[in-house]
Structure formats: structure tokens, C-alpha cells
Amino acid sequence: MGTKFWILRAAKVFTLVAILLFMVEILKGHETLSALGFALLWSFIATAIFIATRLYHSSKGRHCALCNDTPDDKKAS
């Protein structure tokens, strides 16, 4: 799992969380710019925490079945 994998993972998580938070803020009746700022800030924070914990667990050899980030050596078997 190289740099490209983690960049794509971070982009996917950031985008999905930002869209979800933006939609929730709009449904709550907040202004568009306020909702966008909130969504971008918290999606950045959530993505940083998610990627940091995944990198930590990946370095320890623990893989997430939900994230589907199985080690590459299983593919060779």
C-alpha cells in the first residue's frame, strides 16, 4: 500500500464526509457558505484522524475487513 493508495483513500473519505456534512447543515437551515466551511473543516479533521489510525493499524499488521485493505501478499497466495 503505497502513497497513491493513501492519497486516493484520503480523497474518497474527505469527499464523502464533506458531502454528507454539507447536506446535513443545509437541511438544518444554515447558510450555504457557513455550511460549506463547516463541512470542509470537519471533513478535513475526520479524514486526518481516519488516515492516521489506518496508517497506525496498518503498520502494526492489522487490516480492516470493512476498509478492504488486505495485505498484498494474500493476493500472491
N, C-alpha and C. Protein backbone atom coordinates (compact mmCIF):
# COMPACT_ATOMS: atom_id res chain seq x y z
N MET A 1 0.85 -1.17 0.00
CA MET A 1 0.00 0.00 0.00
C MET A 1 0.89 1.23 0.00
N GLY A 2 1.01 1.80 -1.17
CA GLY A 2 1.90 2.93 -1.31
C GLY A 2 1.22 4.27 -1.11
N THR A 3 1.92 5.29 -1.47
CA THR A 3 1.43 6.66 -1.31
C THR A 3 0.17 6.90 -2.12
N LYS A 4 0.12 6.37 -3.33
CA LYS A 4 -1.05 6.57 -4.19
C LYS A 4 -2.30 6.00 -3.52
N PHE A 5 -2.18 4.83 -2.90
CA PHE A 5 -3.30 4.20 -2.21
C PHE A 5 -3.84 5.12 -1.12
N TRP A 6 -2.94 5.68 -0.30
CA TRP A 6 -3.37 6.51 0.83
C TRP A 6 -3.93 7.84 0.36
N ILE A 7 -3.40 8.40 -0.72
CA ILE A 7 -3.94 9.65 -1.25
C ILE A 7 -5.34 9.43 -1.79
N LEU A 8 -5.54 8.35 -2.52
CA LEU A 8 -6.88 8.04 -3.04
C LEU A 8 -7.86 7.75 -1.90
N ARG A 9 -7.41 7.03 -0.90
CA ARG A 9 -8.25 6.73 0.27
C ARG A 9 -8.66 8.02 0.96
N ALA A 10 -7.71 8.92 1.17
CA ALA A 10 -7.99 10.20 1.84
C ALA A 10 -8.96 11.04 1.01
N ALA A 11 -8.77 11.06 -0.30
CA ALA A 11 -9.66 11.84 -1.17
C ALA A 11 -11.09 11.31 -1.12
N LYS A 12 -11.23 10.00 -1.12
CA LYS A 12 -12.57 9.40 -1.06
C LYS A 12 -13.25 9.72 0.27
N VAL A 13 -12.53 9.53 1.36
CA VAL A 13 -13.10 9.79 2.69
C VAL A 13 -13.46 11.27 2.82
N PHE A 14 -12.54 12.15 2.43
CA PHE A 14 -12.78 13.59 2.53
C PHE A 14 -14.02 14.00 1.73
N THR A 15 -14.11 13.52 0.51
CA THR A 15 -15.25 13.88 -0.34
C THR A 15 -16.57 13.39 0.22
N LEU A 16 -16.63 12.14 0.62
CA LEU A 16 -17.88 11.59 1.16
C LEU A 16 -18.31 12.28 2.44
N VAL A 17 -17.37 12.52 3.34
CA VAL A 17 -17.71 13.18 4.60
C VAL A 17 -18.12 14.63 4.35
N ALA A 18 -17.43 15.32 3.46
CA ALA A 18 -17.76 16.72 3.16
C ALA A 18 -19.16 16.83 2.57
N ILE A 19 -19.51 15.95 1.64
CA ILE A 19 -20.84 15.98 1.04
C ILE A 19 -21.91 15.70 2.09
N LEU A 20 -21.67 14.69 2.90
CA LEU A 20 -22.64 14.34 3.93
C LEU A 20 -22.85 15.48 4.93
N LEU A 21 -21.76 16.05 5.43
CA LEU A 21 -21.87 17.14 6.39
C LEU A 21 -22.50 18.39 5.77
N PHE A 22 -22.18 18.68 4.53
CA PHE A 22 -22.76 19.83 3.84
C PHE A 22 -24.28 19.66 3.71
N MET A 23 -24.71 18.47 3.30
CA MET A 23 -26.14 18.22 3.15
C MET A 23 -26.86 18.33 4.49
N VAL A 24 -26.27 17.83 5.55
CA VAL A 24 -26.88 17.91 6.87
C VAL A 24 -27.00 19.36 7.31
N GLU A 25 -25.97 20.14 7.11
CA GLU A 25 -26.00 21.55 7.50
C GLU A 25 -27.04 22.33 6.70
N ILE A 26 -27.18 22.05 5.43
CA ILE A 26 -28.19 22.71 4.60
C ILE A 26 -29.58 22.33 5.08
N LEU A 27 -29.78 21.04 5.38
CA LEU A 27 -31.08 20.59 5.87
C LEU A 27 -31.42 21.21 7.23
N LYS A 28 -30.40 21.54 8.00
CA LYS A 28 -30.62 22.18 9.29
C LYS A 28 -30.95 23.66 9.13
N GLY A 29 -30.82 24.19 7.93
CA GLY A 29 -31.19 25.58 7.66
C GLY A 29 -30.06 26.58 7.74
N HIS A 30 -28.83 26.13 7.75
CA HIS A 30 -27.70 27.06 7.79
C HIS A 30 -27.44 27.65 6.41
N GLU A 31 -26.78 28.81 6.40
CA GLU A 31 -26.43 29.45 5.13
C GLU A 31 -25.42 28.59 4.37
N THR A 32 -25.42 28.74 3.05
CA THR A 32 -24.59 27.89 2.19
C THR A 32 -23.10 28.02 2.52
N LEU A 33 -22.59 29.25 2.63
CA LEU A 33 -21.16 29.42 2.92
C LEU A 33 -20.79 28.91 4.31
N SER A 34 -21.67 29.12 5.26
CA SER A 34 -21.42 28.60 6.61
C SER A 34 -21.40 27.07 6.60
N ALA A 35 -22.35 26.47 5.90
CA ALA A 35 -22.42 25.02 5.80
C ALA A 35 -21.20 24.46 5.08
N LEU A 36 -20.76 25.13 4.04
CA LEU A 36 -19.59 24.67 3.28
C LEU A 36 -18.33 24.74 4.14
N GLY A 37 -18.15 25.85 4.86
CA GLY A 37 -16.99 25.98 5.75
C GLY A 37 -16.97 24.92 6.82
N PHE A 38 -18.13 24.69 7.44
CA PHE A 38 -18.25 23.66 8.47
C PHE A 38 -17.91 22.29 7.90
N ALA A 39 -18.49 21.97 6.74
CA ALA A 39 -18.28 20.66 6.13
C ALA A 39 -16.81 20.44 5.76
N LEU A 40 -16.18 21.45 5.19
CA LEU A 40 -14.78 21.30 4.78
C LEU A 40 -13.85 21.16 5.99
N LEU A 41 -14.09 21.96 7.01
CA LEU A 41 -13.25 21.88 8.21
C LEU A 41 -13.37 20.52 8.87
N TRP A 42 -14.58 20.07 9.13
CA TRP A 42 -14.77 18.82 9.86
C TRP A 42 -14.46 17.59 9.01
N SER A 43 -14.62 17.69 7.71
CA SER A 43 -14.23 16.54 6.87
C SER A 43 -12.72 16.42 6.83
N PHE A 44 -12.00 17.56 6.87
CA PHE A 44 -10.55 17.51 6.93
C PHE A 44 -10.10 16.86 8.24
N ILE A 45 -10.70 17.27 9.35
CA ILE A 45 -10.36 16.71 10.66
C ILE A 45 -10.66 15.21 10.70
N ALA A 46 -11.84 14.82 10.24
CA ALA A 46 -12.24 13.41 10.26
C ALA A 46 -11.33 12.57 9.36
N THR A 47 -10.98 13.10 8.19
CA THR A 47 -10.11 12.37 7.27
C THR A 47 -8.72 12.20 7.87
N ALA A 48 -8.20 13.23 8.51
CA ALA A 48 -6.87 13.14 9.13
C ALA A 48 -6.85 12.08 10.22
N ILE A 49 -7.89 12.05 11.04
CA ILE A 49 -7.97 11.05 12.11
C ILE A 49 -8.10 9.65 11.52
N PHE A 50 -8.97 9.49 10.51
CA PHE A 50 -9.17 8.18 9.88
C PHE A 50 -7.88 7.66 9.26
N ILE A 51 -7.22 8.49 8.48
CA ILE A 51 -5.99 8.06 7.81
C ILE A 51 -4.89 7.77 8.83
N ALA A 52 -4.79 8.61 9.86
CA ALA A 52 -3.75 8.37 10.88
C ALA A 52 -3.98 7.04 11.59
N THR A 53 -5.22 6.73 11.95
CA THR A 53 -5.48 5.46 12.63
C THR A 53 -5.29 4.28 11.68
N ARG A 54 -5.65 4.43 10.42
CA ARG A 54 -5.44 3.34 9.47
C ARG A 54 -3.95 3.10 9.24
N LEU A 55 -3.17 4.17 9.15
CA LEU A 55 -1.72 4.01 8.99
C LEU A 55 -1.12 3.34 10.22
N TYR A 56 -1.57 3.72 11.39
CA TYR A 56 -1.08 3.11 12.62
C TYR A 56 -1.38 1.61 12.65
N HIS A 57 -2.62 1.26 12.39
CA HIS A 57 -3.00 -0.16 12.44
C HIS A 57 -2.36 -0.94 11.30
N SER A 58 -2.21 -0.32 10.15
CA SER A 58 -1.55 -0.98 9.03
C SER A 58 -0.08 -1.26 9.36
N SER A 59 0.57 -0.32 10.03
CA SER A 59 1.98 -0.54 10.39
C SER A 59 2.13 -1.65 11.42
N LYS A 60 1.09 -1.90 12.20
CA LYS A 60 1.10 -2.98 13.19
C LYS A 60 0.68 -4.32 12.59
N GLY A 61 0.28 -4.30 11.30
CA GLY A 61 -0.11 -5.54 10.64
C GLY A 61 -1.58 -5.88 10.80
N ARG A 62 -2.36 -4.96 11.32
CA ARG A 62 -3.80 -5.18 11.47
C ARG A 62 -4.51 -4.60 10.26
N HIS A 63 -5.35 -5.40 9.64
CA HIS A 63 -6.04 -4.94 8.44
C HIS A 63 -7.54 -4.93 8.66
N CYS A 64 -8.18 -3.98 8.05
CA CYS A 64 -9.61 -3.74 8.24
C CYS A 64 -10.40 -4.44 7.13
N ALA A 65 -11.26 -5.37 7.51
CA ALA A 65 -12.10 -6.06 6.52
C ALA A 65 -13.12 -5.09 5.92
N LEU A 66 -13.62 -4.17 6.72
CA LEU A 66 -14.59 -3.19 6.23
C LEU A 66 -13.95 -2.25 5.22
N CYS A 67 -12.70 -1.85 5.47
CA CYS A 67 -12.00 -0.94 4.57
C CYS A 67 -11.47 -1.65 3.33
N ASN A 68 -11.43 -2.97 3.38
CA ASN A 68 -10.94 -3.80 2.27
C ASN A 68 -9.50 -3.45 1.92
N ASP A 69 -8.67 -3.30 2.91
CA ASP A 69 -7.26 -3.01 2.65
C ASP A 69 -6.40 -4.20 3.05
N THR A 70 -6.73 -5.35 2.49
CA THR A 70 -5.99 -6.58 2.80
C THR A 70 -4.57 -6.47 2.29
N PRO A 71 -3.63 -7.14 2.95
CA PRO A 71 -2.24 -7.04 2.52
C PRO A 71 -2.04 -7.64 1.13
N ASP A 72 -1.03 -7.12 0.44
CA ASP A 72 -0.75 -7.54 -0.93
C ASP A 72 -0.28 -8.98 -1.01
N ASP A 73 0.36 -9.53 0.05
CA ASP A 73 0.88 -10.88 -0.02
C ASP A 73 -0.21 -11.94 -0.08
N LYS A 74 -1.42 -11.63 0.33
CA LYS A 74 -2.52 -12.59 0.24
C LYS A 74 -2.95 -12.79 -1.22
N LYS A 75 -2.77 -11.75 -2.05
CA LYS A 75 -3.11 -11.85 -3.46
C LYS A 75 -2.21 -12.82 -4.18
N ALA A 76 -0.96 -12.90 -3.74
CA ALA A 76 0.01 -13.77 -4.39
C ALA A 76 -0.23 -15.25 -4.04
N SER A 77 -0.91 -15.50 -2.93
CA SER A 77 -1.12 -16.89 -2.50
C SER A 77 -2.15 -17.60 -3.32
